[in-house]
Protein backbone atom coordinates (compact mmCIF):
# COMPACT_ATOMS: atom_id res chain seq x y z
CA MET A 1 108.97 68.08 90.86
CA THR A 2 112.29 69.42 90.19
CA PRO A 3 114.65 69.96 93.33
CA ASN A 4 115.93 72.90 91.46
CA VAL A 5 114.95 76.43 92.92
CA LEU A 6 115.58 80.26 92.29
CA VAL A 7 115.10 82.67 95.16
CA PHE A 8 114.25 86.31 94.81
CA ALA A 9 114.09 87.86 98.17
CA TRP A 10 113.61 91.56 99.12
CA ASN A 11 113.92 93.24 102.74
CA ARG A 12 110.98 96.27 102.31
CA SER A 13 110.07 98.93 99.81
CA ILE A 14 112.59 101.83 99.78
CA PRO A 15 110.30 104.28 101.76
CA GLY A 16 108.56 106.53 99.11
CA ARG A 17 108.54 104.02 96.55
CA GLU A 18 105.94 101.54 98.00
CA SER A 19 103.58 102.12 95.00
CA LEU A 20 106.38 101.31 92.35
CA SER A 21 106.66 98.24 94.74
CA GLY A 22 102.88 97.06 94.34
CA GLN A 23 102.73 97.62 90.88
CA HIS A 24 106.09 95.43 89.98
CA PHE A 25 104.76 92.88 92.27
CA ARG A 26 102.11 92.64 90.00
CA ASP A 27 103.75 92.72 86.57
CA TYR A 28 106.45 90.36 88.00
CA SER A 29 103.85 87.75 88.79
CA GLU A 30 102.14 87.96 85.65
CA TYR A 31 105.55 88.11 84.04
CA LEU A 32 106.18 84.44 85.66
CA GLY A 33 102.77 83.19 85.23
CA ALA A 34 103.33 83.89 81.18
CA VAL A 35 106.96 82.37 81.61
CA LYS A 36 105.34 79.09 83.51
CA SER A 37 102.59 79.24 80.71
CA SER A 38 105.05 78.86 77.62
CA GLY A 39 106.92 75.89 79.78
CA GLY A 40 110.10 78.33 80.75
CA ILE A 41 109.62 77.44 84.20
CA GLU A 42 107.62 74.75 86.67
CA SER A 43 106.42 76.88 89.05
CA PHE A 44 106.55 79.93 91.06
CA GLU A 45 105.51 81.01 94.28
CA ALA A 46 105.43 84.43 96.28
CA VAL A 47 105.56 84.51 99.83
CA LEU A 48 105.01 87.36 102.31
CA LEU A 49 106.33 87.23 105.78
CA GLU A 50 104.82 88.85 108.89
CA PRO A 51 107.01 91.70 110.44
CA ASN A 52 109.81 90.10 112.04
CA GLY A 53 112.93 92.34 112.73
CA SER A 54 115.21 90.76 109.98
CA SER A 55 116.26 91.88 106.56
CA LEU A 56 114.18 88.95 104.77
CA HIS A 57 110.13 89.99 104.30
CA GLY A 58 109.34 88.47 101.08
CA PHE A 59 110.40 86.17 98.40
CA PHE A 60 109.28 84.58 95.06
CA ILE A 61 110.43 80.80 94.81
CA ILE A 62 110.53 79.71 91.43
CA ARG A 63 111.17 76.06 90.47
CA GLY A 64 112.46 74.88 86.95
CA THR A 65 115.12 72.72 85.64
CA THR A 66 118.67 73.85 85.37
CA GLN A 67 118.28 74.73 81.65
CA GLN A 68 115.07 76.73 82.54
CA LEU A 69 116.38 78.61 85.15
CA ASP A 70 119.36 79.75 83.31
CA GLY A 71 117.51 80.98 80.17
CA LEU A 72 115.27 82.72 82.60
CA THR A 73 118.09 84.40 84.74
CA SER A 74 119.69 85.32 81.29
CA SER A 75 116.53 86.60 79.49
CA MET A 76 116.30 90.27 78.64
CA GLU A 77 112.72 90.76 80.43
CA TRP A 78 114.63 88.94 83.77
CA MET A 79 117.26 91.73 83.69
CA GLN A 80 114.49 94.31 83.20
CA HIS A 81 112.49 93.10 86.43
CA MET A 82 115.84 92.76 88.47
CA THR A 83 116.83 96.14 87.30
CA ARG A 84 113.61 97.57 88.32
CA ALA A 85 113.59 95.65 91.78
CA ILE A 86 116.68 97.40 92.68
CA LEU A 87 115.12 100.77 91.89
CA HIS A 88 112.61 100.43 94.50
CA LEU A 89 113.40 97.20 96.84
CA ASP A 90 115.78 97.68 100.06
CA GLY A 91 117.90 94.23 99.89
CA ALA A 92 116.62 92.82 97.03
CA MET A 93 118.57 89.47 96.00
CA VAL A 94 118.73 86.67 93.92
CA THR A 95 120.04 83.09 94.66
CA ARG A 96 119.56 79.27 93.71
CA GLY A 97 119.24 76.51 95.85
CA VAL A 98 118.13 72.89 95.80
CA ASN A 99 115.56 70.72 97.70
CA GLY A 100 114.84 66.94 97.92
CA ALA A 101 117.83 64.16 96.98
CA PRO A 102 120.50 66.89 96.02
CA LEU A 103 119.79 68.74 99.58
CA MET A 104 120.92 65.53 101.19
CA GLU A 105 124.00 65.21 98.66
CA ARG A 106 125.04 69.17 99.39
CA MET A 107 124.39 68.32 102.80
CA GLY A 108 126.90 65.63 102.92
CA LEU A 109 129.22 67.60 100.85
CA TRP A 110 129.01 70.25 103.94
CA MET A 111 129.56 67.79 106.41
CA LYS A 112 132.65 66.19 105.23
CA THR A 113 134.02 69.78 104.29
CA ILE A 114 133.73 70.83 108.52
CA PRO A 115 137.24 71.23 109.86
CA GLN A 116 137.52 68.18 112.43
CA GLY A 117 139.55 68.99 115.53
């Protein structure tokens, strides 16, 4: 499994736009399924968090090679989904990350940059 991940997260639906969020969740899941079927990503998973008082209540974690994730986020379909998301989701955001071996490499880099004193 590739250690490269892309996370698309959100806080909540903007009040009055909940039905748009529900439909887009289905559409986005179908889109990612098609991208996976065509080899454009390795896998994806949706997670809805229990009510928790924070600004994070759900996310998709998408796995793929660097090239796959670059291709995904530079596609017009991706841009269309992200544009839709910002119109009905509060706190919509996308970020990249790693796990596995690169995680320990990055943690080592972080530890080396902590000011000593």
